[in-house]
Amino acid sequence: MRHCSVQVRGLLTRPELDRYNALMEVGGYLESQSRYDLSAIVQAEVDLLIQPGIERLKEKGRERDRMTQEYLEELRRSEWEAQMRKLAESDED
């Protein structure tokens, strides 16, 4: 059975995580019994179950990217304003 990442597991709701853990336990048991045909079905269910967590992780990444973009724009704006003040001061002299 393939586990999902710790980041995705951290974004699963409590019911999703409980179901995930139960499915992983069942899948592990099936694999120990060499029932790979059935464990593949359980793995497919796990893959479906973790999709909301993956989407939440993607959204966190997009939000972080937006925040970084806003920060860089603010930094450029403040640098531009500082340059304009410097030019204005030098014109007054």
PDB file of N, CA and C in Angstrom:
ATOM      1  N   MET A   1       0.851  -1.176   0.000  1.00  0.00           N
ATOM      2  CA  MET A   1       0.000   0.000   0.000  1.00  0.00           C
ATOM      3  C   MET A   1       0.895   1.237   0.000  1.00  0.00           C
ATOM      4  N   ARG A   2       0.507   2.200  -0.831  1.00  0.00           N
ATOM      5  CA  ARG A   2       1.245   3.454  -0.907  1.00  0.00           C
ATOM      6  C   ARG A   2       0.600   4.477   0.024  1.00  0.00           C
ATOM      7  N   HIS A   3       1.406   5.047   0.898  1.00  0.00           N
ATOM      8  CA  HIS A   3       0.911   6.097   1.786  1.00  0.00           C
ATOM      9  C   HIS A   3       0.924   7.428   1.054  1.00  0.00           C
ATOM     10  N   CYS A   4       0.051   8.327   1.470  1.00  0.00           N
ATOM     11  CA  CYS A   4       0.114   9.691   0.948  1.00  0.00           C
ATOM     12  C   CYS A   4       1.110  10.468   1.809  1.00  0.00           C
ATOM     13  N   SER A   5       1.443  11.660   1.389  1.00  0.00           N
ATOM     14  CA  SER A   5       2.450  12.444   2.107  1.00  0.00           C
ATOM     15  C   SER A   5       1.921  12.908   3.466  1.00  0.00           C
ATOM     16  N   VAL A   6       2.845  13.228   4.333  1.00  0.00           N
ATOM     17  CA  VAL A   6       2.493  13.735   5.656  1.00  0.00           C
ATOM     18  C   VAL A   6       1.714  15.046   5.519  1.00  0.00           C
ATOM     19  N   GLN A   7       2.102  15.877   4.536  1.00  0.00           N
ATOM     20  CA  GLN A   7       1.407  17.145   4.326  1.00  0.00           C
ATOM     21  C   GLN A   7      -0.061  16.907   3.970  1.00  0.00           C
ATOM     22  N   VAL A   8      -0.322  15.941   3.112  1.00  0.00           N
ATOM     23  CA  VAL A   8      -1.707  15.644   2.726  1.00  0.00           C
ATOM     24  C   VAL A   8      -2.460  15.066   3.914  1.00  0.00           C
ATOM     25  N   ARG A   9      -1.843  14.151   4.631  1.00  0.00           N
ATOM     26  CA  ARG A   9      -2.514  13.569   5.802  1.00  0.00           C
ATOM     27  C   ARG A   9      -2.860  14.644   6.821  1.00  0.00           C
ATOM     28  N   GLY A  10      -1.987  15.635   6.961  1.00  0.00           N
ATOM     29  CA  GLY A  10      -2.241  16.721   7.904  1.00  0.00           C
ATOM     30  C   GLY A  10      -3.427  17.582   7.516  1.00  0.00           C
ATOM     31  N   LEU A  11      -3.822  17.543   6.256  1.00  0.00           N
ATOM     32  CA  LEU A  11      -4.945  18.355   5.790  1.00  0.00           C
ATOM     33  C   LEU A  11      -6.236  17.567   5.653  1.00  0.00           C
ATOM     34  N   LEU A  12      -6.208  16.283   5.992  1.00  0.00           N
ATOM     35  CA  LEU A  12      -7.437  15.486   5.976  1.00  0.00           C
ATOM     36  C   LEU A  12      -8.261  15.810   7.216  1.00  0.00           C
ATOM     37  N   THR A  13      -9.572  15.779   7.062  1.00  0.00           N
ATOM     38  CA  THR A  13     -10.437  15.970   8.229  1.00  0.00           C
ATOM     39  C   THR A  13     -10.345  14.715   9.103  1.00  0.00           C
ATOM     40  N   ARG A  14     -10.830  14.811  10.314  1.00  0.00           N
ATOM     41  CA  ARG A  14     -10.771  13.663  11.233  1.00  0.00           C
ATOM     42  C   ARG A  14     -11.481  12.444  10.636  1.00  0.00           C
ATOM     43  N   PRO A  15     -12.697  12.571  10.095  1.00  0.00           N
ATOM     44  CA  PRO A  15     -13.338  11.385   9.496  1.00  0.00           C
ATOM     45  C   PRO A  15     -12.545  10.834   8.305  1.00  0.00           C
ATOM     46  N   GLU A  16     -11.988  11.728   7.480  1.00  0.00           N
ATOM     47  CA  GLU A  16     -11.186  11.272   6.341  1.00  0.00           C
ATOM     48  C   GLU A  16      -9.937  10.527   6.820  1.00  0.00           C
ATOM     49  N   LEU A  17      -9.307  11.060   7.851  1.00  0.00           N
ATOM     50  CA  LEU A  17      -8.095  10.424   8.372  1.00  0.00           C
ATOM     51  C   LEU A  17      -8.411   9.074   9.006  1.00  0.00           C
ATOM     52  N   ASP A  18      -9.500   8.994   9.737  1.00  0.00           N
ATOM     53  CA  ASP A  18      -9.897   7.715  10.328  1.00  0.00           C
ATOM     54  C   ASP A  18     -10.154   6.671   9.239  1.00  0.00           C
ATOM     55  N   ARG A  19     -10.851   7.076   8.201  1.00  0.00           N
ATOM     56  CA  ARG A  19     -11.125   6.156   7.081  1.00  0.00           C
ATOM     57  C   ARG A  19      -9.825   5.771   6.381  1.00  0.00           C
ATOM     58  N   TYR A  20      -8.941   6.749   6.180  1.00  0.00           N
ATOM     59  CA  TYR A  20      -7.639   6.493   5.552  1.00  0.00           C
ATOM     60  C   TYR A  20      -6.869   5.431   6.348  1.00  0.00           C
ATOM     61  N   ASN A  21      -6.780   5.632   7.659  1.00  0.00           N
ATOM     62  CA  ASN A  21      -6.033   4.686   8.499  1.00  0.00           C
ATOM     63  C   ASN A  21      -6.651   3.289   8.457  1.00  0.00           C
ATOM     64  N   ALA A  22      -7.978   3.230   8.468  1.00  0.00           N
ATOM     65  CA  ALA A  22      -8.649   1.927   8.412  1.00  0.00           C
ATOM     66  C   ALA A  22      -8.385   1.240   7.074  1.00  0.00           C
ATOM     67  N   LEU A  23      -8.474   1.979   5.988  1.00  0.00           N
ATOM     68  CA  LEU A  23      -8.211   1.402   4.668  1.00  0.00           C
ATOM     69  C   LEU A  23      -6.765   0.935   4.542  1.00  0.00           C
ATOM     70  N   MET A  24      -5.837   1.712   5.089  1.00  0.00           N
ATOM     71  CA  MET A  24      -4.432   1.314   5.022  1.00  0.00           C
ATOM     72  C   MET A  24      -4.195   0.026   5.826  1.00  0.00           C
ATOM     73  N   GLU A  25      -4.882  -0.095   6.943  1.00  0.00           N
ATOM     74  CA  GLU A  25      -4.746  -1.312   7.749  1.00  0.00           C
ATOM     75  C   GLU A  25      -5.302  -2.523   6.994  1.00  0.00           C
ATOM     76  N   VAL A  26      -6.461  -2.358   6.399  1.00  0.00           N
ATOM     77  CA  VAL A  26      -7.066  -3.442   5.615  1.00  0.00           C
ATOM     78  C   VAL A  26      -6.166  -3.798   4.438  1.00  0.00           C
ATOM     79  N   GLY A  27      -5.686  -2.782   3.723  1.00  0.00           N
ATOM     80  CA  GLY A  27      -4.808  -3.024   2.580  1.00  0.00           C
ATOM     81  C   GLY A  27      -3.519  -3.720   2.975  1.00  0.00           C
ATOM     82  N   GLY A  28      -2.957  -3.315   4.112  1.00  0.00           N
ATOM     83  CA  GLY A  28      -1.746  -3.972   4.599  1.00  0.00           C
ATOM     84  C   GLY A  28      -1.990  -5.435   4.932  1.00  0.00           C
ATOM     85  N   TYR A  29      -3.138  -5.695   5.552  1.00  0.00           N
ATOM     86  CA  TYR A  29      -3.486  -7.085   5.850  1.00  0.00           C
ATOM     87  C   TYR A  29      -3.637  -7.895   4.569  1.00  0.00           C
ATOM     88  N   LEU A  30      -4.335  -7.333   3.592  1.00  0.00           N
ATOM     89  CA  LEU A  30      -4.528  -8.046   2.322  1.00  0.00           C
ATOM     90  C   LEU A  30      -3.187  -8.329   1.647  1.00  0.00           C
ATOM     91  N   GLU A  31      -2.288  -7.373   1.679  1.00  0.00           N
ATOM     92  CA  GLU A  31      -0.960  -7.603   1.096  1.00  0.00           C
ATOM     93  C   GLU A  31      -0.206  -8.698   1.847  1.00  0.00           C
ATOM     94  N   SER A  32      -0.343  -8.723   3.179  1.00  0.00           N
ATOM     95  CA  SER A  32       0.343  -9.764   3.952  1.00  0.00           C
ATOM     96  C   SER A  32      -0.200 -11.150   3.621  1.00  0.00           C
ATOM     97  N   GLN A  33      -1.437 -11.183   3.135  1.00  0.00           N
ATOM     98  CA  GLN A  33      -2.052 -12.451   2.734  1.00  0.00           C
ATOM     99  C   GLN A  33      -1.862 -12.720   1.237  1.00  0.00           C
ATOM    100  N   SER A  34      -1.039 -11.893   0.597  1.00  0.00           N
ATOM    101  CA  SER A  34      -0.772 -11.998  -0.852  1.00  0.00           C
ATOM    102  C   SER A  34      -2.036 -11.838  -1.685  1.00  0.00           C
ATOM    103  N   ARG A  35      -2.968 -11.057  -1.195  1.00  0.00           N
ATOM    104  CA  ARG A  35      -4.203 -10.767  -1.939  1.00  0.00           C
ATOM    105  C   ARG A  35      -4.058  -9.406  -2.614  1.00  0.00           C
ATOM    106  N   TYR A  36      -3.115  -9.327  -3.522  1.00  0.00           N
ATOM    107  CA  TYR A  36      -2.800  -8.070  -4.189  1.00  0.00           C
ATOM    108  C   TYR A  36      -3.944  -7.592  -5.074  1.00  0.00           C
ATOM    109  N   ASP A  37      -4.756  -8.533  -5.562  1.00  0.00           N
ATOM    110  CA  ASP A  37      -5.908  -8.145  -6.372  1.00  0.00           C
ATOM    111  C   ASP A  37      -6.882  -7.304  -5.553  1.00  0.00           C
ATOM    112  N   LEU A  38      -7.113  -7.696  -4.304  1.00  0.00           N
ATOM    113  CA  LEU A  38      -8.023  -6.944  -3.439  1.00  0.00           C
ATOM    114  C   LEU A  38      -7.356  -5.696  -2.864  1.00  0.00           C
ATOM    115  N   SER A  39      -6.060  -5.784  -2.560  1.00  0.00           N
ATOM    116  CA  SER A  39      -5.382  -4.607  -2.011  1.00  0.00           C
ATOM    117  C   SER A  39      -5.316  -3.485  -3.049  1.00  0.00           C
ATOM    118  N   ALA A  40      -5.288  -3.838  -4.330  1.00  0.00           N
ATOM    119  CA  ALA A  40      -5.302  -2.811  -5.382  1.00  0.00           C
ATOM    120  C   ALA A  40      -6.616  -2.045  -5.359  1.00  0.00           C
ATOM    121  N   ILE A  41      -7.710  -2.714  -5.062  1.00  0.00           N
ATOM    122  CA  ILE A  41      -9.012  -2.053  -4.967  1.00  0.00           C
ATOM    123  C   ILE A  41      -9.029  -1.104  -3.770  1.00  0.00           C
ATOM    124  N   VAL A  42      -8.468  -1.573  -2.663  1.00  0.00           N
ATOM    125  CA  VAL A  42      -8.391  -0.722  -1.473  1.00  0.00           C
ATOM    126  C   VAL A  42      -7.508   0.488  -1.758  1.00  0.00           C
ATOM    127  N   GLN A  43      -6.397   0.282  -2.470  1.00  0.00           N
ATOM    128  CA  GLN A  43      -5.509   1.395  -2.818  1.00  0.00           C
ATOM    129  C   GLN A  43      -6.245   2.418  -3.669  1.00  0.00           C
ATOM    130  N   ALA A  44      -7.082   1.957  -4.590  1.00  0.00           N
ATOM    131  CA  ALA A  44      -7.863   2.877  -5.421  1.00  0.00           C
ATOM    132  C   ALA A  44      -8.815   3.709  -4.550  1.00  0.00           C
ATOM    133  N   GLU A  45      -9.393   3.095  -3.531  1.00  0.00           N
ATOM    134  CA  GLU A  45     -10.267   3.823  -2.605  1.00  0.00           C
ATOM    135  C   GLU A  45      -9.477   4.862  -1.817  1.00  0.00           C
ATOM    136  N   VAL A  46      -8.269   4.492  -1.392  1.00  0.00           N
ATOM    137  CA  VAL A  46      -7.404   5.439  -0.675  1.00  0.00           C
ATOM    138  C   VAL A  46      -7.078   6.625  -1.583  1.00  0.00           C
ATOM    139  N   ASP A  47      -6.760   6.340  -2.829  1.00  0.00           N
ATOM    140  CA  ASP A  47      -6.434   7.404  -3.775  1.00  0.00           C
ATOM    141  C   ASP A  47      -7.599   8.379  -3.941  1.00  0.00           C
ATOM    142  N   LEU A  48      -8.814   7.867  -3.983  1.00  0.00           N
ATOM    143  CA  LEU A  48      -9.990   8.734  -4.070  1.00  0.00           C
ATOM    144  C   LEU A  48     -10.198   9.525  -2.775  1.00  0.00           C
ATOM    145  N   LEU A  49      -9.979   8.860  -1.664  1.00  0.00           N
ATOM    146  CA  LEU A  49     -10.201   9.485  -0.362  1.00  0.00           C
ATOM    147  C   LEU A  49      -9.285  10.674  -0.124  1.00  0.00           C
ATOM    148  N   ILE A  50      -8.054  10.603  -0.598  1.00  0.00           N
ATOM    149  CA  ILE A  50      -7.089  11.670  -0.294  1.00  0.00           C
ATOM    150  C   ILE A  50      -7.185  12.856  -1.250  1.00  0.00           C
ATOM    151  N   GLN A  51      -8.003  12.774  -2.283  1.00  0.00           N
ATOM    152  CA  GLN A  51      -8.118  13.883  -3.241  1.00  0.00           C
ATOM    153  C   GLN A  51      -8.465  15.222  -2.594  1.00  0.00           C
ATOM    154  N   PRO A  52      -9.420  15.274  -1.649  1.00  0.00           N
ATOM    155  CA  PRO A  52      -9.698  16.575  -1.007  1.00  0.00           C
ATOM    156  C   PRO A  52      -8.476  17.139  -0.273  1.00  0.00           C
ATOM    157  N   GLY A  53      -7.698  16.282   0.360  1.00  0.00           N
ATOM    158  CA  GLY A  53      -6.481  16.735   1.035  1.00  0.00           C
ATOM    159  C   GLY A  53      -5.458  17.277   0.056  1.00  0.00           C
ATOM    160  N   ILE A  54      -5.350  16.633  -1.097  1.00  0.00           N
ATOM    161  CA  ILE A  54      -4.429  17.105  -2.133  1.00  0.00           C
ATOM    162  C   ILE A  54      -4.867  18.475  -2.629  1.00  0.00           C
ATOM    163  N   GLU A  55      -6.164  18.653  -2.829  1.00  0.00           N
ATOM    164  CA  GLU A  55      -6.675  19.950  -3.281  1.00  0.00           C
ATOM    165  C   GLU A  55      -6.433  21.033  -2.232  1.00  0.00           C
ATOM    166  N   ARG A  56      -6.595  20.690  -0.967  1.00  0.00           N
ATOM    167  CA  ARG A  56      -6.325  21.664   0.099  1.00  0.00           C
ATOM    168  C   ARG A  56      -4.854  22.065   0.100  1.00  0.00           C
ATOM    169  N   LEU A  57      -3.974  21.087  -0.122  1.00  0.00           N
ATOM    170  CA  LEU A  57      -2.542  21.371  -0.173  1.00  0.00           C
ATOM    171  C   LEU A  57      -2.215  22.276  -1.360  1.00  0.00           C
ATOM    172  N   LYS A  58      -2.822  22.009  -2.503  1.00  0.00           N
ATOM    173  CA  LYS A  58      -2.612  22.860  -3.678  1.00  0.00           C
ATOM    174  C   LYS A  58      -3.084  24.287  -3.392  1.00  0.00           C
ATOM    175  N   GLU A  59      -4.227  24.419  -2.734  1.00  0.00           N
ATOM    176  CA  GLU A  59      -4.754  25.748  -2.425  1.00  0.00           C
ATOM    177  C   GLU A  59      -3.819  26.494  -1.474  1.00  0.00           C
ATOM    178  N   LYS A  60      -3.259  25.778  -0.508  1.00  0.00           N
ATOM    179  CA  LYS A  60      -2.286  26.416   0.389  1.00  0.00           C
ATOM    180  C   LYS A  60      -1.091  26.918  -0.402  1.00  0.00           C
ATOM    181  N   GLY A  61      -0.638  26.144  -1.365  1.00  0.00           N
ATOM    182  CA  GLY A  61       0.485  26.557  -2.207  1.00  0.00           C
ATOM    183  C   GLY A  61       0.134  27.773  -3.040  1.00  0.00           C
ATOM    184  N   ARG A  62      -1.079  27.793  -3.596  1.00  0.00           N
ATOM    185  CA  ARG A  62      -1.508  28.950  -4.384  1.00  0.00           C
ATOM    186  C   ARG A  62      -1.610  30.190  -3.509  1.00  0.00           C
ATOM    187  N   GLU A  63      -2.105  30.027  -2.296  1.00  0.00           N
ATOM    188  CA  GLU A  63      -2.205  31.156  -1.364  1.00  0.00           C
ATOM    189  C   GLU A  63      -0.809  31.673  -1.013  1.00  0.00           C
ATOM    190  N   ARG A  64       0.114  30.770  -0.767  1.00  0.00           N
ATOM    191  CA  ARG A  64       1.493  31.170  -0.473  1.00  0.00           C
ATOM    192  C   ARG A  64       2.098  31.917  -1.658  1.00  0.00           C
ATOM    193  N   ASP A  65       1.828  31.436  -2.869  1.00  0.00           N
ATOM    194  CA  ASP A  65       2.324  32.118  -4.068  1.00  0.00           C
ATOM    195  C   ASP A  65       1.732  33.519  -4.192  1.00  0.00           C
ATOM    196  N   ARG A  66       0.430  33.667  -3.886  1.00  0.00           N
ATOM    197  CA  ARG A  66      -0.203  34.988  -3.933  1.00  0.00           C
ATOM    198  C   ARG A  66       0.430  35.928  -2.917  1.00  0.00           C
ATOM    199  N   MET A  67       0.659  35.419  -1.719  1.00  0.00           N
ATOM    200  CA  MET A  67       1.264  36.243  -0.677  1.00  0.00           C
ATOM    201  C   MET A  67       2.684  36.658  -1.074  1.00  0.00           C
ATOM    202  N   THR A  68       3.438  35.747  -1.663  1.00  0.00           N
ATOM    203  CA  THR A  68       4.788  36.075  -2.124  1.00  0.00           C
ATOM    204  C   THR A  68       4.733  37.145  -3.204  1.00  0.00           C
ATOM    205  N   GLN A  69       3.813  37.010  -4.143  1.00  0.00           N
ATOM    206  CA  GLN A  69       3.655  37.995  -5.211  1.00  0.00           C
ATOM    207  C   GLN A  69       3.307  39.364  -4.644  1.00  0.00           C
ATOM    208  N   GLU A  70       2.385  39.408  -3.684  1.00  0.00           N
ATOM    209  CA  GLU A  70       2.016  40.676  -3.063  1.00  0.00           C
ATOM    210  C   GLU A  70       3.213  41.289  -2.344  1.00  0.00           C
ATOM    211  N   TYR A  71       3.980  40.481  -1.646  1.00  0.00           N
ATOM    212  CA  TYR A  71       5.158  40.973  -0.943  1.00  0.00           C
ATOM    213  C   TYR A  71       6.170  41.559  -1.923  1.00  0.00           C
ATOM    214  N   LEU A  72       6.435  40.849  -3.017  1.00  0.00           N
ATOM    215  CA  LEU A  72       7.398  41.345  -3.999  1.00  0.00           C
ATOM    216  C   LEU A  72       6.915  42.635  -4.650  1.00  0.00           C
ATOM    217  N   GLU A  73       5.622  42.723  -4.936  1.00  0.00           N
ATOM    218  CA  GLU A  73       5.083  43.954  -5.505  1.00  0.00           C
ATOM    219  C   GLU A  73       5.222  45.117  -4.527  1.00  0.00           C
ATOM    220  N   GLU A  74       4.944  44.869  -3.272  1.00  0.00           N
ATOM    221  CA  GLU A  74       5.083  45.907  -2.249  1.00  0.00           C
ATOM    222  C   GLU A  74       6.549  46.327  -2.114  1.00  0.00           C
ATOM    223  N   LEU A  75       7.447  45.366  -2.178  1.00  0.00           N
ATOM    224  CA  LEU A  75       8.871  45.672  -2.091  1.00  0.00           C
ATOM    225  C   LEU A  75       9.309  46.543  -3.271  1.00  0.00           C
ATOM    226  N   ARG A  76       8.884  46.179  -4.471  1.00  0.00           N
ATOM    227  CA  ARG A  76       9.217  46.988  -5.657  1.00  0.00           C
ATOM    228  C   ARG A  76       8.625  48.388  -5.549  1.00  0.00           C
ATOM    229  N   ARG A  77       7.400  48.473  -5.064  1.00  0.00           N
ATOM    230  CA  ARG A  77       6.741  49.768  -4.921  1.00  0.00           C
ATOM    231  C   ARG A  77       7.502  50.644  -3.928  1.00  0.00           C
ATOM    232  N   SER A  78       7.903  50.071  -2.806  1.00  0.00           N
ATOM    233  CA  SER A  78       8.628  50.867  -1.809  1.00  0.00           C
ATOM    234  C   SER A  78      10.002  51.283  -2.333  1.00  0.00           C
ATOM    235  N   GLU A  79      10.669  50.412  -3.091  1.00  0.00           N
ATOM    236  CA  GLU A  79      11.953  50.787  -3.691  1.00  0.00           C
ATOM    237  C   GLU A  79      11.766  51.907  -4.702  1.00  0.00           C
ATOM    238  N   TRP A  80      10.705  51.818  -5.507  1.00  0.00           N
ATOM    239  CA  TRP A  80      10.424  52.850  -6.494  1.00  0.00           C
ATOM    240  C   TRP A  80      10.133  54.185  -5.804  1.00  0.00           C
ATOM    241  N   GLU A  81       9.321  54.140  -4.726  1.00  0.00           N
ATOM    242  CA  GLU A  81       9.009  55.361  -3.987  1.00  0.00           C
ATOM    243  C   GLU A  81      10.261  55.954  -3.370  1.00  0.00           C
ATOM    244  N   ALA A  82      11.164  55.121  -2.862  1.00  0.00           N
ATOM    245  CA  ALA A  82      12.413  55.615  -2.281  1.00  0.00           C
ATOM    246  C   ALA A  82      13.265  56.282  -3.357  1.00  0.00           C
ATOM    247  N   GLN A  83      13.313  55.698  -4.538  1.00  0.00           N
ATOM    248  CA  GLN A  83      14.071  56.303  -5.637  1.00  0.00           C
ATOM    249  C   GLN A  83      13.454  57.629  -6.052  1.00  0.00           C
ATOM    250  N   MET A  84      12.141  57.687  -6.107  1.00  0.00           N
ATOM    251  CA  MET A  84      11.467  58.933  -6.486  1.00  0.00           C
ATOM    252  C   MET A  84      11.715  60.019  -5.447  1.00  0.00           C
ATOM    253  N   ARG A  85      11.691  59.681  -4.164  1.00  0.00           N
ATOM    254  CA  ARG A  85      11.991  60.654  -3.107  1.00  0.00           C
ATOM    255  C   ARG A  85      13.416  61.157  -3.246  1.00  0.00           C
ATOM    256  N   LYS A  86      14.324  60.232  -3.539  1.00  0.00           N
ATOM    257  CA  LYS A  86      15.726  60.595  -3.705  1.00  0.00           C
ATOM    258  C   LYS A  86      15.893  61.556  -4.882  1.00  0.00           C
ATOM    259  N   LEU A  87      15.213  61.277  -5.985  1.00  0.00           N
ATOM    260  CA  LEU A  87      15.263  62.166  -7.144  1.00  0.00           C
ATOM    261  C   LEU A  87      14.654  63.525  -6.829  1.00  0.00           C
ATOM    262  N   ALA A  88      13.546  63.529  -6.102  1.00  0.00           N
ATOM    263  CA  ALA A  88      12.899  64.785  -5.740  1.00  0.00           C
ATOM    264  C   ALA A  88      13.808  65.625  -4.849  1.00  0.00           C
ATOM    265  N   GLU A  89      14.495  64.977  -3.928  1.00  0.00           N
ATOM    266  CA  GLU A  89      15.416  65.678  -3.031  1.00  0.00           C
ATOM    267  C   GLU A  89      16.603  66.241  -3.817  1.00  0.00           C
ATOM    268  N   SER A  90      17.103  65.478  -4.761  1.00  0.00           N
ATOM    269  CA  SER A  90      18.255  65.950  -5.539  1.00  0.00           C
ATOM    270  C   SER A  90      17.829  67.084  -6.471  1.00  0.00           C
ATOM    271  N   ASP A  91      16.576  67.101  -6.954  1.00  0.00           N
ATOM    272  CA  ASP A  91      16.080  68.195  -7.804  1.00  0.00           C
ATOM    273  C   ASP A  91      15.928  69.487  -6.997  1.00  0.00           C
ATOM    274  N   GLU A  92      15.600  69.367  -5.726  1.00  0.00           N
ATOM    275  CA  GLU A  92      15.430  70.540  -4.878  1.00  0.00           C
ATOM    276  C   GLU A  92      16.764  71.216  -4.584  1.00  0.00           C
ATOM    277  N   ASP A  93      17.838  70.486  -4.654  1.00  0.00           N
ATOM    278  CA  ASP A  93      19.176  71.053  -4.346  1.00  0.00           C
ATOM    279  C   ASP A  93      19.699  71.873  -5.445  1.00  0.00           C
TER     280      ASP A  93
END
